[in-house]
Amino acid sequence: MTLARRLAALEARVRAVEDELQILRLLHSYGPLVDSGSPAAAAELWVAGGGYDFGDAPHRRRVEAPDGLIALYESDVHSRLVEAGCCHLTATPRIAVSGDAAEAVGYSFVIVREGERWQVQRAAINHWTLVRSSAGWRVQERLNRVLDGSPESHEVMRRALRGSVTP
């Protein structure tokens, strides 16, 4: 292998590592932003028009960035969580990057303080689609389904794993 090819291969590997690191940093910024009462900064993790699809049947909904996300994070329900003390924890996801697009699949947990104890209030599977923008990696869509043993929650995991997020 020539030096030029080795250098090109090394550059490609470094870029792949940098992309995954930037995506991890983006996804791991989510919890501290929403838990600190920073709705506008949290909404900036998405591209304009990007969405967050969440909820349990029959109360599923999709909110759109930035205004829908800001309204969600300023809602009474979310404000009460922040005031009580909460943690939106994004577990380290499996990431696949393809050019300027990426997918990530992983778990998330909402942990809430109740008196002197902390309780897991919600455990979910997430399928994130991301795009590279002029501002760096941003969320295009986030699909979040509670881990309630339902066929739908299992299908979200299977669908994500059948896609470009591969073992």
C-alpha atoms as a PDB file:
ATOM      1  CA  MET A   1       0.000   0.000   0.000  1.00  0.00           C
ATOM      2  CA  THR A   2       1.358   3.401  -0.942  1.00  0.00           C
ATOM      3  CA  LEU A   3       1.895   6.144   1.558  1.00  0.00           C
ATOM      4  CA  ALA A   4      -0.869   8.200  -0.081  1.00  0.00           C
ATOM      5  CA  ARG A   5      -3.370   5.334   0.286  1.00  0.00           C
ATOM      6  CA  ARG A   6      -2.338   4.700   3.870  1.00  0.00           C
ATOM      7  CA  LEU A   7      -2.757   8.393   4.669  1.00  0.00           C
ATOM      8  CA  ALA A   8      -6.182   8.490   2.983  1.00  0.00           C
ATOM      9  CA  ALA A   9      -7.263   5.382   4.921  1.00  0.00           C
ATOM     10  CA  LEU A  10      -6.047   6.911   8.173  1.00  0.00           C
ATOM     11  CA  GLU A  11      -7.884  10.171   7.461  1.00  0.00           C
ATOM     12  CA  ALA A  12     -11.099   8.227   6.791  1.00  0.00           C
ATOM     13  CA  ARG A  13     -10.734   6.322  10.061  1.00  0.00           C
ATOM     14  CA  VAL A  14     -10.051   9.513  12.040  1.00  0.00           C
ATOM     15  CA  ARG A  15     -13.088  11.196  10.489  1.00  0.00           C
ATOM     16  CA  ALA A  16     -15.270   8.184  11.409  1.00  0.00           C
ATOM     17  CA  VAL A  17     -14.043   8.320  15.014  1.00  0.00           C
ATOM     18  CA  GLU A  18     -14.587  12.089  15.161  1.00  0.00           C
ATOM     19  CA  ASP A  19     -18.121  11.712  13.755  1.00  0.00           C
ATOM     20  CA  GLU A  20     -19.052   9.114  16.377  1.00  0.00           C
ATOM     21  CA  LEU A  21     -17.537  11.221  19.161  1.00  0.00           C
ATOM     22  CA  GLN A  22     -19.439  14.327  18.027  1.00  0.00           C
ATOM     23  CA  ILE A  23     -22.683  12.335  17.867  1.00  0.00           C
ATOM     24  CA  LEU A  24     -22.101  10.912  21.354  1.00  0.00           C
ATOM     25  CA  ARG A  25     -21.445  14.407  22.698  1.00  0.00           C
ATOM     26  CA  LEU A  26     -24.617  15.679  21.036  1.00  0.00           C
ATOM     27  CA  LEU A  27     -26.816  12.890  22.398  1.00  0.00           C
ATOM     28  CA  HIS A  28     -25.264  13.102  25.865  1.00  0.00           C
ATOM     29  CA  SER A  29     -25.912  16.878  25.917  1.00  0.00           C
ATOM     30  CA  TYR A  30     -29.638  16.263  25.761  1.00  0.00           C
ATOM     31  CA  GLY A  31     -30.217  15.264  29.398  1.00  0.00           C
ATOM     32  CA  PRO A  32     -28.254  18.056  31.064  1.00  0.00           C
ATOM     33  CA  LEU A  33     -29.938  20.623  28.807  1.00  0.00           C
ATOM     34  CA  VAL A  34     -33.518  19.506  29.476  1.00  0.00           C
ATOM     35  CA  ASP A  35     -32.851  18.838  33.172  1.00  0.00           C
ATOM     36  CA  SER A  36     -31.312  22.266  33.736  1.00  0.00           C
ATOM     37  CA  GLY A  37     -34.300  24.122  32.309  1.00  0.00           C
ATOM     38  CA  SER A  38     -32.598  25.137  29.029  1.00  0.00           C
ATOM     39  CA  PRO A  39     -35.366  24.506  26.488  1.00  0.00           C
ATOM     40  CA  ALA A  40     -34.019  26.650  23.633  1.00  0.00           C
ATOM     41  CA  ALA A  41     -30.544  25.120  23.874  1.00  0.00           C
ATOM     42  CA  ALA A  42     -32.070  21.614  23.957  1.00  0.00           C
ATOM     43  CA  ALA A  43     -34.142  22.396  20.847  1.00  0.00           C
ATOM     44  CA  GLU A  44     -30.964  23.498  19.053  1.00  0.00           C
ATOM     45  CA  LEU A  45     -29.788  19.866  19.093  1.00  0.00           C
ATOM     46  CA  TRP A  46     -32.325  19.313  16.275  1.00  0.00           C
ATOM     47  CA  VAL A  47     -32.461  20.675  12.746  1.00  0.00           C
ATOM     48  CA  ALA A  48     -35.350  23.053  12.131  1.00  0.00           C
ATOM     49  CA  GLY A  49     -38.402  20.954  11.325  1.00  0.00           C
ATOM     50  CA  GLY A  50     -36.886  17.842  12.880  1.00  0.00           C
ATOM     51  CA  GLY A  51     -39.089  15.844  15.171  1.00  0.00           C
ATOM     52  CA  TYR A  52     -39.393  13.981  18.441  1.00  0.00           C
ATOM     53  CA  ASP A  53     -41.962  11.160  18.377  1.00  0.00           C
ATOM     54  CA  PHE A  54     -42.790   9.839  21.850  1.00  0.00           C
ATOM     55  CA  GLY A  55     -45.507   8.720  24.205  1.00  0.00           C
ATOM     56  CA  ASP A  56     -47.483   5.635  25.019  1.00  0.00           C
ATOM     57  CA  ALA A  57     -50.497   4.416  23.053  1.00  0.00           C
ATOM     58  CA  PRO A  58     -52.964   6.027  22.640  1.00  0.00           C
ATOM     59  CA  HIS A  59     -51.209   9.266  23.633  1.00  0.00           C
ATOM     60  CA  ARG A  60     -48.397   9.309  21.102  1.00  0.00           C
ATOM     61  CA  ARG A  61     -47.331  12.577  19.636  1.00  0.00           C
ATOM     62  CA  ARG A  62     -44.642  14.175  17.532  1.00  0.00           C
ATOM     63  CA  VAL A  63     -43.344  17.636  18.299  1.00  0.00           C
ATOM     64  CA  GLU A  64     -41.323  19.640  15.820  1.00  0.00           C
ATOM     65  CA  ALA A  65     -38.139  21.637  16.377  1.00  0.00           C
ATOM     66  CA  PRO A  66     -37.667  24.228  17.538  1.00  0.00           C
ATOM     67  CA  ASP A  67     -41.025  25.585  18.753  1.00  0.00           C
ATOM     68  CA  GLY A  68     -42.713  22.274  19.621  1.00  0.00           C
ATOM     69  CA  LEU A  69     -39.676  21.094  21.569  1.00  0.00           C
ATOM     70  CA  ILE A  70     -39.376  24.362  23.472  1.00  0.00           C
ATOM     71  CA  ALA A  71     -43.074  24.180  24.389  1.00  0.00           C
ATOM     72  CA  LEU A  72     -42.619  20.582  25.559  1.00  0.00           C
ATOM     73  CA  TYR A  73     -39.657  21.487  27.782  1.00  0.00           C
ATOM     74  CA  GLU A  74     -41.509  24.530  29.156  1.00  0.00           C
ATOM     75  CA  SER A  75     -44.694  22.538  29.882  1.00  0.00           C
ATOM     76  CA  ASP A  76     -46.012  22.196  33.427  1.00  0.00           C
ATOM     77  CA  VAL A  77     -45.278  18.456  33.452  1.00  0.00           C
ATOM     78  CA  HIS A  78     -41.654  18.925  32.463  1.00  0.00           C
ATOM     79  CA  SER A  79     -41.181  21.961  34.716  1.00  0.00           C
ATOM     80  CA  ARG A  80     -42.373  19.935  37.714  1.00  0.00           C
ATOM     81  CA  LEU A  81     -39.791  17.237  36.910  1.00  0.00           C
ATOM     82  CA  VAL A  82     -37.004  19.824  36.757  1.00  0.00           C
ATOM     83  CA  GLU A  83     -38.119  21.451  40.011  1.00  0.00           C
ATOM     84  CA  ALA A  84     -38.239  18.088  41.812  1.00  0.00           C
ATOM     85  CA  GLY A  85     -34.890  16.994  40.407  1.00  0.00           C
ATOM     86  CA  CYS A  86     -34.639  14.663  37.465  1.00  0.00           C
ATOM     87  CA  CYS A  87     -32.189  12.962  35.163  1.00  0.00           C
ATOM     88  CA  HIS A  88     -32.825  12.244  31.488  1.00  0.00           C
ATOM     89  CA  LEU A  89     -30.100   9.671  30.949  1.00  0.00           C
ATOM     90  CA  THR A  90     -29.102   8.633  27.439  1.00  0.00           C
ATOM     91  CA  ALA A  91     -27.324   5.281  27.486  1.00  0.00           C
ATOM     92  CA  THR A  92     -24.431   4.908  25.076  1.00  0.00           C
ATOM     93  CA  PRO A  93     -26.019   4.063  21.718  1.00  0.00           C
ATOM     94  CA  ARG A  94     -24.867   2.002  18.763  1.00  0.00           C
ATOM     95  CA  ILE A  95     -24.013   4.482  15.982  1.00  0.00           C
ATOM     96  CA  ALA A  96     -23.683   4.052  12.225  1.00  0.00           C
ATOM     97  CA  VAL A  97     -22.462   6.902  10.033  1.00  0.00           C
ATOM     98  CA  SER A  98     -22.889   7.025   6.281  1.00  0.00           C
ATOM     99  CA  GLY A  99     -21.508  10.223   4.798  1.00  0.00           C
ATOM    100  CA  ASP A 100     -23.541  13.135   6.134  1.00  0.00           C
ATOM    101  CA  ALA A 101     -26.239  10.939   7.690  1.00  0.00           C
ATOM    102  CA  ALA A 102     -26.190   8.760  10.780  1.00  0.00           C
ATOM    103  CA  GLU A 103     -28.395   6.571  12.926  1.00  0.00           C
ATOM    104  CA  ALA A 104     -28.127   5.710  16.583  1.00  0.00           C
ATOM    105  CA  VAL A 105     -30.110   3.238  18.637  1.00  0.00           C
ATOM    106  CA  GLY A 106     -30.014   2.978  22.398  1.00  0.00           C
ATOM    107  CA  TYR A 107     -31.848   3.159  25.673  1.00  0.00           C
ATOM    108  CA  SER A 108     -32.884   6.165  27.702  1.00  0.00           C
ATOM    109  CA  PHE A 109     -34.095   6.507  31.265  1.00  0.00           C
ATOM    110  CA  VAL A 110     -35.914   9.228  33.159  1.00  0.00           C
ATOM    111  CA  ILE A 111     -34.953   9.165  36.821  1.00  0.00           C
ATOM    112  CA  VAL A 112     -36.911  11.364  39.223  1.00  0.00           C
ATOM    113  CA  ARG A 113     -36.184  12.382  42.793  1.00  0.00           C
ATOM    114  CA  GLU A 114     -38.976  11.508  45.194  1.00  0.00           C
ATOM    115  CA  GLY A 115     -38.002  12.749  48.629  1.00  0.00           C
ATOM    116  CA  GLU A 116     -34.627  11.231  49.447  1.00  0.00           C
ATOM    117  CA  ARG A 117     -34.953   8.460  46.870  1.00  0.00           C
ATOM    118  CA  TRP A 118     -34.436   8.320  43.131  1.00  0.00           C
ATOM    119  CA  GLN A 119     -36.895   6.299  41.040  1.00  0.00           C
ATOM    120  CA  VAL A 120     -36.694   5.206  37.425  1.00  0.00           C
ATOM    121  CA  GLN A 121     -39.862   6.703  36.022  1.00  0.00           C
ATOM    122  CA  ARG A 122     -39.389   5.645  32.413  1.00  0.00           C
ATOM    123  CA  ALA A 123     -37.179   3.299  30.383  1.00  0.00           C
ATOM    124  CA  ALA A 124     -37.336   3.542  26.603  1.00  0.00           C
ATOM    125  CA  ILE A 125     -35.689   2.553  23.341  1.00  0.00           C
ATOM    126  CA  ASN A 126     -34.666   5.373  21.023  1.00  0.00           C
ATOM    127  CA  HIS A 127     -33.942   5.442  17.317  1.00  0.00           C
ATOM    128  CA  TRP A 128     -32.219   8.679  16.362  1.00  0.00           C
ATOM    129  CA  THR A 129     -31.565   9.821  12.803  1.00  0.00           C
ATOM    130  CA  LEU A 130     -28.977  12.545  12.482  1.00  0.00           C
ATOM    131  CA  VAL A 131     -27.576  14.793   9.755  1.00  0.00           C
ATOM    132  CA  ARG A 132     -24.353  16.720   9.409  1.00  0.00           C
ATOM    133  CA  SER A 133     -25.123  20.438   9.176  1.00  0.00           C
ATOM    134  CA  SER A 134     -23.074  23.602   9.012  1.00  0.00           C
ATOM    135  CA  ALA A 135     -23.380  23.671  12.836  1.00  0.00           C
ATOM    136  CA  GLY A 136     -22.183  20.056  13.165  1.00  0.00           C
ATOM    137  CA  TRP A 137     -24.257  16.924  13.746  1.00  0.00           C
ATOM    138  CA  ARG A 138     -27.926  17.551  14.540  1.00  0.00           C
ATOM    139  CA  VAL A 139     -30.954  15.359  15.234  1.00  0.00           C
ATOM    140  CA  GLN A 140     -33.345  14.929  12.321  1.00  0.00           C
ATOM    141  CA  GLU A 141     -35.762  12.577  14.101  1.00  0.00           C
ATOM    142  CA  ARG A 142     -35.977  10.842  17.439  1.00  0.00           C
ATOM    143  CA  LEU A 143     -38.364   7.933  17.893  1.00  0.00           C
ATOM    144  CA  ASN A 144     -38.830   7.010  21.556  1.00  0.00           C
ATOM    145  CA  ARG A 145     -40.898   4.055  22.745  1.00  0.00           C
ATOM    146  CA  VAL A 146     -41.338   2.922  26.328  1.00  0.00           C
ATOM    147  CA  LEU A 147     -39.969  -0.522  27.165  1.00  0.00           C
ATOM    148  CA  ASP A 148     -43.309  -1.954  28.158  1.00  0.00           C
ATOM    149  CA  GLY A 149     -42.868  -5.379  26.570  1.00  0.00           C
ATOM    150  CA  SER A 150     -45.151  -4.427  23.717  1.00  0.00           C
ATOM    151  CA  PRO A 151     -44.607  -5.736  20.217  1.00  0.00           C
ATOM    152  CA  GLU A 152     -44.137  -2.121  19.083  1.00  0.00           C
ATOM    153  CA  SER A 153     -41.238  -1.456  21.449  1.00  0.00           C
ATOM    154  CA  HIS A 154     -39.590  -4.689  20.306  1.00  0.00           C
ATOM    155  CA  GLU A 155     -40.188  -3.774  16.658  1.00  0.00           C
ATOM    156  CA  VAL A 156     -38.486  -0.390  17.111  1.00  0.00           C
ATOM    157  CA  MET A 157     -35.387  -2.246  18.319  1.00  0.00           C
ATOM    158  CA  ARG A 158     -35.558  -4.762  15.466  1.00  0.00           C
ATOM    159  CA  ARG A 159     -36.224  -2.130  12.809  1.00  0.00           C
ATOM    160  CA  ALA A 160     -33.311  -0.024  13.946  1.00  0.00           C
ATOM    161  CA  LEU A 161     -31.004  -3.028  14.027  1.00  0.00           C
ATOM    162  CA  ARG A 162     -32.114  -4.145  10.546  1.00  0.00           C
ATOM    163  CA  GLY A 163     -31.251  -0.686   9.204  1.00  0.00           C
ATOM    164  CA  SER A 164     -27.774   0.725   8.877  1.00  0.00           C
ATOM    165  CA  VAL A 165     -27.130   0.388  12.609  1.00  0.00           C
ATOM    166  CA  THR A 166     -25.645  -3.076  12.378  1.00  0.00           C
ATOM    167  CA  PRO A 167     -23.764  -5.333  14.772  1.00  0.00           C
END
